[in-house]
Amino acid sequence: MNRHWSKFNIVSVVLGFAFLYIPILLLIIYSFNASKLVTVWAGFSTKWYTAAFANQGLVDAAWVTFRVAIISATIATVLGTLAAMALARNTRFRGRFLFSGMIYAPLVMPEVITGLSLLLLFVAVGMDRGITTVTLAHITFSMCFVAVVVQSRLASFDRSLEEAALDLGATPARAFFSVTLPIIMPAIVAGWMLAFTLSLDDLVIAQFNSGPGATTLPMKIFSQVRLGVTPEINAVCTILVGVVTTGVIIASLSIKRQEVRAARAERLATQT
């Protein structure tokens, strides 16, 4: 297998990464700009970070965003894992095609349609829009992403490991928590991180389903950007980039550790 990279491949990769990351790098650099003008460098300063933390509106929006993201990602991970188990373990049951279609529909559904349909649902049932409706909306569209990630891991799962645990006297629940769950945990963690990031980033669906006291950080940033980009917004976005990057690194290390433990448990089960 020839692993030598041609000049065309190298140039393509460099241009691709430059297109993706140079705007983010410029945003981070200008968040330390002392000038109020975004594109005019006037020296290094961290005053905009102080201004961002002193802005009570941004702080409240950030608190709402992280609270909604954590709750929705956790519930979506549980529901998505259960849906993936049902699709992977039961290949033939009545209504499977309809069930899988309903699970995967939000993947291809435009966010405007998803947000509007959920808004009409909440209005029809008489539910006041707020943090609860935003959380439910985020669970609805992020659950399918978790189901896809976990189902892909279950597709390569060796069922003989569960059967061995059952033969040794374990109950189905004990076999799941002792054998299946540790092996698929990296996929579950990856699904949670994906759902958390999608909720953290969402703007369109949150705008449709938010209400008083439920303004998320993307909504707050979008409303301020319409009046012009300020270094304070750059500082907030830089903090978000740092949070997401830290989360990805922690999740990657956790997934790698879980994979090592799963491989070790799989070897022990095979030897037994």
Protein backbone atom coordinates (compact mmCIF):
# COMPACT_ATOMS: atom_id res chain seq x y z
CA MET A 1 0.00 0.00 0.00
CA ASN A 2 1.52 3.28 -1.14
CA ARG A 3 1.24 5.88 1.61
CA HIS A 4 3.24 8.55 -0.19
CA TRP A 5 1.29 11.80 -0.45
CA SER A 6 1.35 13.66 -3.72
CA LYS A 7 1.77 17.43 -3.87
CA PHE A 8 -1.85 17.76 -4.92
CA ASN A 9 -3.03 15.91 -1.79
CA ILE A 10 -0.82 18.00 0.47
CA VAL A 11 -2.01 21.28 -1.07
CA SER A 12 -5.64 20.16 -0.86
CA VAL A 13 -5.34 19.26 2.83
CA VAL A 14 -3.53 22.50 3.67
CA LEU A 15 -6.11 24.62 1.83
CA GLY A 16 -8.95 22.71 3.44
CA PHE A 17 -7.64 23.17 6.96
CA ALA A 18 -6.79 26.81 6.24
CA PHE A 19 -10.33 27.44 5.03
CA LEU A 20 -11.74 25.88 8.20
CA TYR A 21 -9.43 27.23 10.88
CA ILE A 22 -8.01 30.58 9.74
CA PRO A 23 -11.34 32.39 10.48
CA ILE A 24 -11.41 30.85 13.95
CA LEU A 25 -7.78 31.82 14.51
CA LEU A 26 -8.49 35.41 13.46
CA LEU A 27 -11.47 35.52 15.80
CA ILE A 28 -9.29 34.38 18.70
CA ILE A 29 -6.54 36.88 17.86
CA TYR A 30 -8.89 39.86 17.59
CA SER A 31 -10.62 38.94 20.84
CA PHE A 32 -7.43 40.30 22.49
CA ASN A 33 -7.57 43.53 20.51
CA ALA A 34 -7.51 46.70 22.61
CA SER A 35 -9.45 48.65 20.00
CA LYS A 36 -13.22 48.76 19.68
CA LEU A 37 -12.79 48.35 15.93
CA VAL A 38 -12.69 44.65 15.15
CA THR A 39 -10.40 44.84 12.13
CA VAL A 40 -7.95 47.46 13.49
CA TRP A 41 -5.25 46.10 15.79
CA ALA A 42 -4.39 48.51 18.61
CA GLY A 43 -2.44 46.29 20.97
CA PHE A 44 -2.93 43.31 23.24
CA SER A 45 -5.64 43.52 25.90
CA THR A 46 -7.92 41.21 27.89
CA LYS A 47 -10.44 43.91 28.76
CA TRP A 48 -13.09 42.43 26.45
CA TYR A 49 -13.09 39.21 28.44
CA THR A 50 -13.69 41.25 31.58
CA ALA A 51 -16.47 43.10 29.77
CA ALA A 52 -18.01 39.82 28.62
CA PHE A 53 -18.12 38.40 32.16
CA ALA A 54 -19.53 41.72 33.41
CA ASN A 55 -22.33 41.62 30.83
CA GLN A 56 -25.19 40.08 32.81
CA GLY A 57 -27.21 39.38 29.66
CA LEU A 58 -24.43 37.28 28.15
CA VAL A 59 -23.81 35.48 31.45
CA ASP A 60 -27.51 34.60 31.84
CA ALA A 61 -27.69 33.42 28.21
CA ALA A 62 -24.58 31.26 28.71
CA TRP A 63 -26.07 29.71 31.85
CA VAL A 64 -29.30 28.87 29.98
CA THR A 65 -27.33 27.43 27.06
CA PHE A 66 -25.16 25.11 29.15
CA ARG A 67 -28.07 24.01 31.30
CA VAL A 68 -30.19 23.15 28.26
CA ALA A 69 -27.23 21.46 26.53
CA ILE A 70 -26.36 19.24 29.50
CA ILE A 71 -29.96 18.18 30.20
CA SER A 72 -30.92 17.65 26.57
CA ALA A 73 -27.69 15.78 25.73
CA THR A 74 -28.14 13.45 28.70
CA ILE A 75 -31.78 12.61 27.94
CA ALA A 76 -31.09 12.35 24.20
CA THR A 77 -28.21 9.94 24.92
CA VAL A 78 -30.45 7.66 26.99
CA LEU A 79 -33.28 7.69 24.43
CA GLY A 80 -30.93 7.40 21.47
CA THR A 81 -29.12 4.44 23.04
CA LEU A 82 -32.43 2.66 23.68
CA ALA A 83 -33.52 3.34 20.09
CA ALA A 84 -30.22 2.03 18.77
CA MET A 85 -30.56 -1.11 20.87
CA ALA A 86 -34.05 -1.69 19.50
CA LEU A 87 -32.93 -1.25 15.89
CA ALA A 88 -29.73 -3.28 16.23
CA ARG A 89 -31.08 -6.17 18.29
CA ASN A 90 -34.55 -6.51 16.72
CA THR A 91 -34.09 -6.63 12.98
CA ARG A 92 -37.66 -7.79 12.37
CA PHE A 93 -40.63 -6.35 14.21
CA ARG A 94 -43.86 -4.77 13.10
CA GLY A 95 -43.41 -1.08 12.43
CA ARG A 96 -39.60 -1.22 12.30
CA PHE A 97 -39.46 0.70 9.02
CA LEU A 98 -41.71 3.44 10.40
CA PHE A 99 -39.78 3.54 13.69
CA SER A 100 -36.39 3.86 11.99
CA GLY A 101 -37.79 6.51 9.63
CA MET A 102 -39.06 8.57 12.57
CA ILE A 103 -35.69 8.23 14.32
CA TYR A 104 -33.67 9.36 11.30
CA ALA A 105 -36.08 12.02 9.99
CA PRO A 106 -34.50 14.92 11.96
CA LEU A 107 -31.17 14.14 10.27
CA VAL A 108 -32.47 15.32 6.90
CA MET A 109 -35.23 17.65 8.04
CA PRO A 110 -34.46 21.37 7.63
CA GLU A 111 -34.12 23.09 11.00
CA VAL A 112 -36.75 25.67 10.04
CA ILE A 113 -39.36 22.94 9.53
CA THR A 114 -38.34 21.15 12.73
CA GLY A 115 -38.50 24.35 14.76
CA LEU A 116 -41.84 25.43 13.29
CA SER A 117 -43.46 22.01 13.73
CA LEU A 118 -42.35 21.85 17.37
CA LEU A 119 -43.64 25.39 17.93
CA LEU A 120 -47.04 24.40 16.54
CA LEU A 121 -47.04 21.33 18.80
CA PHE A 122 -46.27 23.34 21.93
CA VAL A 123 -48.94 25.90 21.03
CA ALA A 124 -51.49 23.15 20.38
CA VAL A 125 -50.93 21.52 23.77
CA GLY A 126 -50.92 24.89 25.52
CA MET A 127 -47.31 24.71 26.76
CA ASP A 128 -45.68 28.03 27.55
CA ARG A 129 -42.45 28.57 25.68
CA GLY A 130 -39.34 28.67 27.84
CA ILE A 131 -36.39 26.56 28.93
CA THR A 132 -38.54 23.41 28.98
CA THR A 133 -39.66 23.77 25.37
CA VAL A 134 -36.12 24.54 24.18
CA THR A 135 -34.84 21.47 26.01
CA LEU A 136 -37.52 19.23 24.51
CA ALA A 137 -36.79 20.62 21.06
CA HIS A 138 -33.07 19.91 21.42
CA ILE A 139 -33.78 16.38 22.64
CA THR A 140 -35.94 15.79 19.57
CA PHE A 141 -33.33 16.66 16.97
CA SER A 142 -30.19 15.44 18.79
CA MET A 143 -31.52 12.01 19.79
CA CYS A 144 -31.22 10.72 16.21
CA PHE A 145 -27.50 11.57 16.08
CA VAL A 146 -26.88 9.54 19.23
CA ALA A 147 -28.87 6.63 17.79
CA VAL A 148 -26.75 6.59 14.63
CA VAL A 149 -23.46 6.62 16.57
CA VAL A 150 -24.48 3.90 19.03
CA GLN A 151 -26.11 1.72 16.37
CA SER A 152 -22.91 1.75 14.31
CA ARG A 153 -21.04 0.38 17.34
CA LEU A 154 -23.68 -2.24 18.06
CA ALA A 155 -23.46 -3.44 14.46
CA SER A 156 -19.96 -4.79 15.16
CA PHE A 157 -20.71 -5.99 18.68
CA ASP A 158 -20.02 -9.67 19.38
CA ARG A 159 -23.22 -11.12 20.85
CA SER A 160 -21.36 -14.22 22.02
CA LEU A 161 -19.95 -12.16 24.92
CA GLU A 162 -23.46 -11.56 26.25
CA GLU A 163 -24.35 -15.19 25.69
CA ALA A 164 -21.30 -16.26 27.67
CA ALA A 165 -22.34 -14.02 30.57
CA LEU A 166 -25.86 -15.45 30.47
CA ASP A 167 -24.50 -19.00 30.45
CA LEU A 168 -22.47 -18.15 33.55
CA GLY A 169 -25.68 -17.21 35.40
CA ALA A 170 -25.95 -13.49 34.83
CA THR A 171 -29.38 -11.98 34.35
CA PRO A 172 -30.06 -10.05 31.11
CA ALA A 173 -29.81 -6.77 33.03
CA ARG A 174 -26.54 -7.82 34.70
CA ALA A 175 -25.13 -8.95 31.34
CA PHE A 176 -26.02 -5.60 29.79
CA PHE A 177 -24.48 -3.46 32.53
CA SER A 178 -21.41 -5.67 33.02
CA VAL A 179 -20.62 -6.65 29.43
CA THR A 180 -22.51 -4.67 26.80
CA LEU A 181 -22.46 -1.21 28.38
CA PRO A 182 -18.67 -1.04 28.99
CA ILE A 183 -17.99 -2.11 25.40
CA ILE A 184 -20.34 0.41 23.79
CA MET A 185 -19.52 3.18 26.29
CA PRO A 186 -17.10 4.97 23.90
CA ALA A 187 -19.92 5.30 21.37
CA ILE A 188 -22.29 6.54 24.07
CA VAL A 189 -19.77 9.16 25.22
CA ALA A 190 -19.23 10.24 21.61
CA GLY A 191 -22.99 10.49 21.12
CA TRP A 192 -23.35 12.61 24.26
CA MET A 193 -20.60 14.96 23.11
CA LEU A 194 -22.22 15.27 19.69
CA ALA A 195 -25.64 16.01 21.21
CA PHE A 196 -24.08 18.51 23.63
CA THR A 197 -22.27 20.33 20.81
CA LEU A 198 -25.37 20.44 18.60
CA SER A 199 -27.42 21.89 21.45
CA LEU A 200 -24.69 24.40 22.27
CA ASP A 201 -24.58 25.54 18.64
CA ASP A 202 -28.29 25.58 17.79
CA LEU A 203 -29.89 28.89 16.84
CA VAL A 204 -32.82 28.28 14.50
CA ILE A 205 -34.77 25.74 16.54
CA ALA A 206 -34.13 27.63 19.78
CA GLN A 207 -35.48 30.85 18.25
CA PHE A 208 -38.75 29.14 17.38
CA ASN A 209 -39.26 27.51 20.77
CA SER A 210 -37.74 29.94 23.28
CA GLY A 211 -39.64 32.38 25.43
CA PRO A 212 -39.04 34.96 28.16
CA GLY A 213 -36.03 34.04 30.25
CA ALA A 214 -34.94 31.34 27.79
CA THR A 215 -32.57 33.27 25.54
CA THR A 216 -29.64 31.04 24.59
CA LEU A 217 -26.12 32.30 23.94
CA PRO A 218 -26.30 31.81 20.12
CA MET A 219 -29.53 33.84 20.10
CA LYS A 220 -27.90 36.58 22.19
CA ILE A 221 -24.81 36.67 19.98
CA PHE A 222 -26.90 36.76 16.81
CA SER A 223 -29.00 39.65 18.09
CA GLN A 224 -25.88 41.67 18.97
CA VAL A 225 -24.04 40.82 15.75
CA ARG A 226 -26.88 42.31 13.72
CA LEU A 227 -25.85 45.66 15.17
CA GLY A 228 -22.17 45.02 14.42
CA VAL A 229 -19.42 42.68 15.57
CA THR A 230 -17.58 43.83 18.70
CA PRO A 231 -14.44 42.45 20.39
CA GLU A 232 -16.69 41.47 23.28
CA ILE A 233 -18.50 39.03 20.99
CA ASN A 234 -15.11 37.74 19.81
CA ALA A 235 -14.19 37.09 23.44
CA VAL A 236 -17.39 35.16 24.08
CA CYS A 237 -16.89 33.07 20.93
CA THR A 238 -13.29 32.37 21.93
CA ILE A 239 -14.46 31.10 25.31
CA LEU A 240 -16.94 28.82 23.53
CA VAL A 241 -14.18 27.52 21.27
CA GLY A 242 -12.06 26.82 24.33
CA VAL A 243 -14.89 25.01 26.11
CA VAL A 244 -15.68 22.85 23.09
CA THR A 245 -11.99 22.08 22.48
CA THR A 246 -11.49 21.10 26.11
CA GLY A 247 -14.57 18.91 25.98
CA VAL A 248 -13.38 17.18 22.81
CA ILE A 249 -9.96 16.49 24.33
CA ILE A 250 -11.48 15.11 27.54
CA ALA A 251 -13.95 13.01 25.56
CA SER A 252 -11.18 11.66 23.31
CA LEU A 253 -9.09 10.63 26.30
CA SER A 254 -12.12 9.09 27.97
CA ILE A 255 -13.10 7.20 24.82
CA LYS A 256 -9.55 5.87 24.40
CA ARG A 257 -9.51 4.73 28.01
CA GLN A 258 -12.91 3.08 27.63
CA GLU A 259 -11.76 1.32 24.46
CA VAL A 260 -8.75 -0.10 26.31
CA ARG A 261 -10.98 -1.32 29.14
CA ALA A 262 -13.50 -2.77 26.68
CA ALA A 263 -10.78 -4.61 24.78
CA ARG A 264 -9.41 -5.98 28.05
CA ALA A 265 -12.89 -7.10 29.17
CA GLU A 266 -13.49 -8.68 25.77
CA ARG A 267 -10.24 -10.65 26.00
CA LEU A 268 -11.07 -11.83 29.50
CA ALA A 269 -14.56 -12.91 28.42
CA THR A 270 -13.13 -14.78 25.43
CA GLN A 271 -10.57 -16.56 27.60
CA THR A 272 -13.28 -17.52 30.07
